[in-house]
C-alpha atoms as a PDB file:
ATOM      1  CA  MET A   1     122.090  94.688  81.907  1.00  0.00           C
ATOM      2  CA  ARG A   2     118.893  96.716  81.529  1.00  0.00           C
ATOM      3  CA  PRO A   3     115.711  94.938  80.502  1.00  0.00           C
ATOM      4  CA  ASP A   4     114.187  95.572  77.099  1.00  0.00           C
ATOM      5  CA  TYR A   5     111.030  97.085  78.579  1.00  0.00           C
ATOM      6  CA  CYS A   6     111.109  99.760  81.254  1.00  0.00           C
ATOM      7  CA  ASP A   7     108.502 102.003  82.787  1.00  0.00           C
ATOM      8  CA  GLU A   8     108.297 105.021  80.517  1.00  0.00           C
ATOM      9  CA  THR A   9     107.464 107.439  83.323  1.00  0.00           C
ATOM     10  CA  GLY A  10     111.119 108.321  83.678  1.00  0.00           C
ATOM     11  CA  GLY A  11     111.732 106.163  86.740  1.00  0.00           C
ATOM     12  CA  GLY A  12     113.673 103.626  84.718  1.00  0.00           C
ATOM     13  CA  GLY A  13     112.210 100.731  86.728  1.00  0.00           C
ATOM     14  CA  LEU A  14     110.412  97.603  85.732  1.00  0.00           C
ATOM     15  CA  PRO A  15     106.607  97.777  85.576  1.00  0.00           C
ATOM     16  CA  VAL A  16     105.055  96.014  88.558  1.00  0.00           C
ATOM     17  CA  PRO A  17     101.604  94.392  88.336  1.00  0.00           C
ATOM     18  CA  MET A  18     100.343  95.988  91.557  1.00  0.00           C
ATOM     19  CA  ALA A  19      96.620  95.696  90.803  1.00  0.00           C
ATOM     20  CA  TRP A  20      97.003  91.979  90.048  1.00  0.00           C
ATOM     21  CA  MET A  21      99.220  91.359  93.054  1.00  0.00           C
ATOM     22  CA  TYR A  22      96.710  93.081  95.331  1.00  0.00           C
ATOM     23  CA  SER A  23      93.838  91.045  93.871  1.00  0.00           C
ATOM     24  CA  GLU A  24      95.845  87.881  94.439  1.00  0.00           C
ATOM     25  CA  TYR A  25      96.620  88.958  98.011  1.00  0.00           C
ATOM     26  CA  ILE A  26      92.923  89.523  98.793  1.00  0.00           C
ATOM     27  CA  ALA A  27      92.005  86.153  97.266  1.00  0.00           C
ATOM     28  CA  ASP A  28      94.762  84.410  99.211  1.00  0.00           C
ATOM     29  CA  GLU A  29      93.629  86.013 102.477  1.00  0.00           C
ATOM     30  CA  LEU A  30      90.008  84.999 101.883  1.00  0.00           C
ATOM     31  CA  LEU A  31      90.981  81.383 101.208  1.00  0.00           C
ATOM     32  CA  VAL A  32      93.418  81.150 104.120  1.00  0.00           C
ATOM     33  CA  THR A  33      90.868  82.695 106.491  1.00  0.00           C
ATOM     34  CA  GLY A  34      88.219  80.230 105.300  1.00  0.00           C
ATOM     35  CA  ASP A  35      90.623  77.335 106.012  1.00  0.00           C
ATOM     36  CA  LEU A  36      89.013  75.291 103.244  1.00  0.00           C
ATOM     37  CA  MET A  37      92.101  73.784 101.668  1.00  0.00           C
ATOM     38  CA  GLU A  38      95.805  73.382 102.312  1.00  0.00           C
ATOM     39  CA  PRO A  39      97.606  76.346 100.703  1.00  0.00           C
ATOM     40  CA  THR A  40     100.104  73.981  99.063  1.00  0.00           C
ATOM     41  CA  THR A  41      97.530  72.176  96.899  1.00  0.00           C
ATOM     42  CA  LEU A  42      96.642  72.770  93.274  1.00  0.00           C
ATOM     43  CA  GLU A  43      93.025  73.121  94.317  1.00  0.00           C
ATOM     44  CA  PHE A  44      93.971  76.058  96.554  1.00  0.00           C
ATOM     45  CA  ARG A  45      95.848  77.655  93.658  1.00  0.00           C
ATOM     46  CA  ALA A  46      92.802  77.167  91.427  1.00  0.00           C
ATOM     47  CA  GLY A  47      90.589  78.849  94.029  1.00  0.00           C
ATOM     48  CA  ARG A  48      93.031  81.707  94.559  1.00  0.00           C
ATOM     49  CA  ASP A  49      93.462  82.326  90.820  1.00  0.00           C
ATOM     50  CA  ALA A  50      89.711  82.183  90.127  1.00  0.00           C
ATOM     51  CA  LEU A  51      88.977  84.557  93.000  1.00  0.00           C
ATOM     52  CA  ALA A  52      91.875  86.897  92.133  1.00  0.00           C
ATOM     53  CA  LEU A  53      90.736  87.016  88.518  1.00  0.00           C
ATOM     54  CA  THR A  54      87.204  87.861  89.645  1.00  0.00           C
ATOM     55  CA  ILE A  55      88.432  90.617  91.970  1.00  0.00           C
ATOM     56  CA  PHE A  56      90.784  92.036  89.340  1.00  0.00           C
ATOM     57  CA  LEU A  57      88.222  92.031  86.528  1.00  0.00           C
ATOM     58  CA  SER A  58      85.481  93.499  88.723  1.00  0.00           C
ATOM     59  CA  ASP A  59      87.591  96.582  89.416  1.00  0.00           C
ATOM     60  CA  GLY A  60      87.945  95.513  93.025  1.00  0.00           C
ATOM     61  CA  ALA A  61      91.717  95.598  93.212  1.00  0.00           C
ATOM     62  CA  ALA A  62      91.729  99.243  94.279  1.00  0.00           C
ATOM     63  CA  ALA A  63      89.607  98.737  97.391  1.00  0.00           C
ATOM     64  CA  GLU A  64      91.450  98.902 100.710  1.00  0.00           C
ATOM     65  CA  GLU A  65      89.086  96.500 102.437  1.00  0.00           C
ATOM     66  CA  LEU A  66      86.192  94.348 101.381  1.00  0.00           C
ATOM     67  CA  PRO A  67      83.036  96.173 102.461  1.00  0.00           C
ATOM     68  CA  ALA A  68      79.768  94.261 102.576  1.00  0.00           C
ATOM     69  CA  VAL A  69      78.817  95.581  99.135  1.00  0.00           C
ATOM     70  CA  ARG A  70      82.007  94.140  97.617  1.00  0.00           C
ATOM     71  CA  VAL A  71      81.461  90.798  99.357  1.00  0.00           C
ATOM     72  CA  ASP A  72      77.924  90.599  97.956  1.00  0.00           C
ATOM     73  CA  GLU A  73      79.226  91.444  94.483  1.00  0.00           C
ATOM     74  CA  LEU A  74      81.893  88.742  94.742  1.00  0.00           C
ATOM     75  CA  ARG A  75      79.263  86.216  95.856  1.00  0.00           C
ATOM     76  CA  LEU A  76      77.198  86.989  92.777  1.00  0.00           C
ATOM     77  CA  LEU A  77      80.164  86.953  90.410  1.00  0.00           C
ATOM     78  CA  THR A  78      81.546  83.654  91.692  1.00  0.00           C
ATOM     79  CA  ALA A  79      78.219  81.827  91.632  1.00  0.00           C
ATOM     80  CA  TYR A  80      79.026  78.604  89.822  1.00  0.00           C
ATOM     81  CA  GLY A  81      78.125  78.335  86.189  1.00  0.00           C
ATOM     82  CA  VAL A  82      79.106  78.939  82.625  1.00  0.00           C
ATOM     83  CA  THR A  83      78.232  82.616  82.983  1.00  0.00           C
ATOM     84  CA  TRP A  84      81.407  83.228  85.035  1.00  0.00           C
ATOM     85  CA  ARG A  85      83.567  81.801  82.249  1.00  0.00           C
ATOM     86  CA  ARG A  86      81.838  83.972  79.647  1.00  0.00           C
ATOM     87  CA  TRP A  87      82.138  87.010  81.928  1.00  0.00           C
ATOM     88  CA  VAL A  88      85.895  86.459  82.371  1.00  0.00           C
ATOM     89  CA  CYS A  89      86.444  86.064  78.626  1.00  0.00           C
ATOM     90  CA  ALA A  90      84.417  89.195  77.869  1.00  0.00           C
ATOM     91  CA  ARG A  91      86.208  91.282  80.526  1.00  0.00           C
ATOM     92  CA  LEU A  92      89.655  90.149  79.367  1.00  0.00           C
ATOM     93  CA  GLU A  93      88.706  90.996  75.793  1.00  0.00           C
ATOM     94  CA  ALA A  94      87.418  94.409  76.870  1.00  0.00           C
ATOM     95  CA  LEU A  95      90.721  95.102  78.624  1.00  0.00           C
ATOM     96  CA  GLU A  96      92.693  94.207  75.500  1.00  0.00           C
ATOM     97  CA  ARG A  97      93.557  97.880  74.989  1.00  0.00           C
ATOM     98  CA  PRO A  98      93.738  99.371  78.483  1.00  0.00           C
ATOM     99  CA  THR A  99      93.751 103.113  78.879  1.00  0.00           C
ATOM    100  CA  PRO A 100      95.870 104.966  81.429  1.00  0.00           C
ATOM    101  CA  ALA A 101      92.699 106.199  83.137  1.00  0.00           C
ATOM    102  CA  ASP A 102      91.593 102.706  84.166  1.00  0.00           C
ATOM    103  CA  GLY A 103      94.772 102.125  86.149  1.00  0.00           C
ATOM    104  CA  ARG A 104      95.481  98.781  84.545  1.00  0.00           C
ATOM    105  CA  THR A 105      98.957  98.471  83.171  1.00  0.00           C
ATOM    106  CA  ASP A 106     100.217  95.839  80.792  1.00  0.00           C
ATOM    107  CA  PRO A 107     101.878  93.769  83.559  1.00  0.00           C
ATOM    108  CA  ASP A 108      98.553  93.431  85.379  1.00  0.00           C
ATOM    109  CA  LEU A 109      96.849  92.191  82.247  1.00  0.00           C
ATOM    110  CA  VAL A 110      99.707  89.803  81.497  1.00  0.00           C
ATOM    111  CA  MET A 111      99.353  88.266  84.957  1.00  0.00           C
ATOM    112  CA  ALA A 112      95.557  88.039  84.666  1.00  0.00           C
ATOM    113  CA  ARG A 113      95.832  86.332  81.274  1.00  0.00           C
ATOM    114  CA  ALA A 114      98.431  83.899  82.625  1.00  0.00           C
ATOM    115  CA  ALA A 115      96.118  82.992  85.518  1.00  0.00           C
ATOM    116  CA  TRP A 116      93.195  82.506  83.134  1.00  0.00           C
ATOM    117  CA  ARG A 117      95.306  80.380  80.793  1.00  0.00           C
ATOM    118  CA  TRP A 118      96.344  78.172  83.732  1.00  0.00           C
ATOM    119  CA  LEU A 119      92.737  77.862  84.934  1.00  0.00           C
ATOM    120  CA  GLU A 120      91.543  76.919  81.440  1.00  0.00           C
ATOM    121  CA  GLU A 121      94.347  74.587  80.370  1.00  0.00           C
ATOM    122  CA  THR A 122      95.126  72.765  83.611  1.00  0.00           C
ATOM    123  CA  GLU A 123      92.940  69.806  84.431  1.00  0.00           C
ATOM    124  CA  LEU A 124      92.650  68.436  87.935  1.00  0.00           C
ATOM    125  CA  LEU A 125      91.268  65.080  89.022  1.00  0.00           C
ATOM    126  CA  ALA A 126      88.106  65.642  91.014  1.00  0.00           C
ATOM    127  CA  ALA A 127      85.067  63.785  92.237  1.00  0.00           C
ATOM    128  CA  ASP A 128      82.499  63.384  89.483  1.00  0.00           C
ATOM    129  CA  LEU A 129      79.550  65.310  90.870  1.00  0.00           C
ATOM    130  CA  ASP A 130      77.398  64.276  87.912  1.00  0.00           C
ATOM    131  CA  ALA A 131      77.842  60.555  88.580  1.00  0.00           C
ATOM    132  CA  ILE A 132      74.785  58.785  89.894  1.00  0.00           C
ATOM    133  CA  GLY A 133      75.686  55.619  91.715  1.00  0.00           C
ATOM    134  CA  PRO A 134      79.180  55.040  90.311  1.00  0.00           C
ATOM    135  CA  GLN A 135      79.959  51.555  89.138  1.00  0.00           C
ATOM    136  CA  PRO A 136      83.211  49.958  90.351  1.00  0.00           C
ATOM    137  CA  TRP A 137      84.641  49.888  86.819  1.00  0.00           C
ATOM    138  CA  GLU A 138      84.031  53.638  86.399  1.00  0.00           C
ATOM    139  CA  ALA A 139      86.333  54.649  89.249  1.00  0.00           C
ATOM    140  CA  LEU A 140      89.723  55.837  88.119  1.00  0.00           C
ATOM    141  CA  GLY A 141      92.023  54.127  90.581  1.00  0.00           C
ATOM    142  CA  THR A 142      90.341  55.271  93.768  1.00  0.00           C
ATOM    143  CA  GLU A 143      90.286  52.947  96.743  1.00  0.00           C
ATOM    144  CA  ASP A 144      86.805  53.886  97.888  1.00  0.00           C
ATOM    145  CA  GLY A 145      85.231  53.477  94.436  1.00  0.00           C
ATOM    146  CA  GLU A 146      84.422  57.191  94.083  1.00  0.00           C
ATOM    147  CA  ALA A 147      84.072  58.175  90.439  1.00  0.00           C
ATOM    148  CA  GLN A 148      86.523  60.855  89.391  1.00  0.00           C
ATOM    149  CA  VAL A 149      86.926  62.935  86.257  1.00  0.00           C
ATOM    150  CA  TRP A 150      89.489  65.359  84.878  1.00  0.00           C
ATOM    151  CA  THR A 151      88.081  68.853  84.982  1.00  0.00           C
ATOM    152  CA  PRO A 152      89.455  72.311  84.146  1.00  0.00           C
ATOM    153  CA  ALA A 153      91.001  73.986  87.191  1.00  0.00           C
ATOM    154  CA  TRP A 154      88.516  76.878  87.099  1.00  0.00           C
ATOM    155  CA  GLN A 155      85.625  74.452  87.669  1.00  0.00           C
ATOM    156  CA  LEU A 156      87.192  73.459  90.989  1.00  0.00           C
ATOM    157  CA  GLY A 157      88.565  76.858  91.906  1.00  0.00           C
ATOM    158  CA  LEU A 158      85.398  78.837  91.360  1.00  0.00           C
ATOM    159  CA  PRO A 159      83.249  77.001  93.955  1.00  0.00           C
ATOM    160  CA  LEU A 160      86.163  77.103  96.400  1.00  0.00           C
ATOM    161  CA  GLY A 161      86.474  80.867  95.945  1.00  0.00           C
ATOM    162  CA  HIS A 162      82.717  81.267  96.230  1.00  0.00           C
ATOM    163  CA  LEU A 163      82.654  79.363  99.509  1.00  0.00           C
ATOM    164  CA  ALA A 164      85.579  81.401 100.857  1.00  0.00           C
ATOM    165  CA  VAL A 165      83.675  84.608 100.113  1.00  0.00           C
ATOM    166  CA  HIS A 166      80.600  83.222 101.920  1.00  0.00           C
ATOM    167  CA  LEU A 167      82.713  82.411 104.955  1.00  0.00           C
ATOM    168  CA  TYR A 168      84.251  85.889 105.063  1.00  0.00           C
END
């Protein structure tokens, strides 16, 4: 049974999100090389998705290697803050109607949007970095009394990706 949507270039195959997959590969390699987190954790996935999204949206998916200029750009783009979230939203909106010249096909954008949706909607339990001297009753079931809060996955993944880029 043929799928409903095929590549219209005459090849008759399914469209493959190569730009997204390459961005994800680069992000995965950076995080594995940095050895910051077990690859089986949700935190690792958050870091990989945040870094892959940054690479993809910064037009870095086409690069064969990460030259020093690209690494510096990734360091700036992944610097923690609300500006990264706004930048991602603006770039995704700008890519709403991709043109053939920019090399981004619909499957790439679908994958990037799915990653962003997961980063936005998934909350992970993390140490509350804003807590000053946590009180025992504020801890959420931790044995050591460390205050924890539920936070969107991108807020954990972004600093992890940033650190991986620094360690590259």
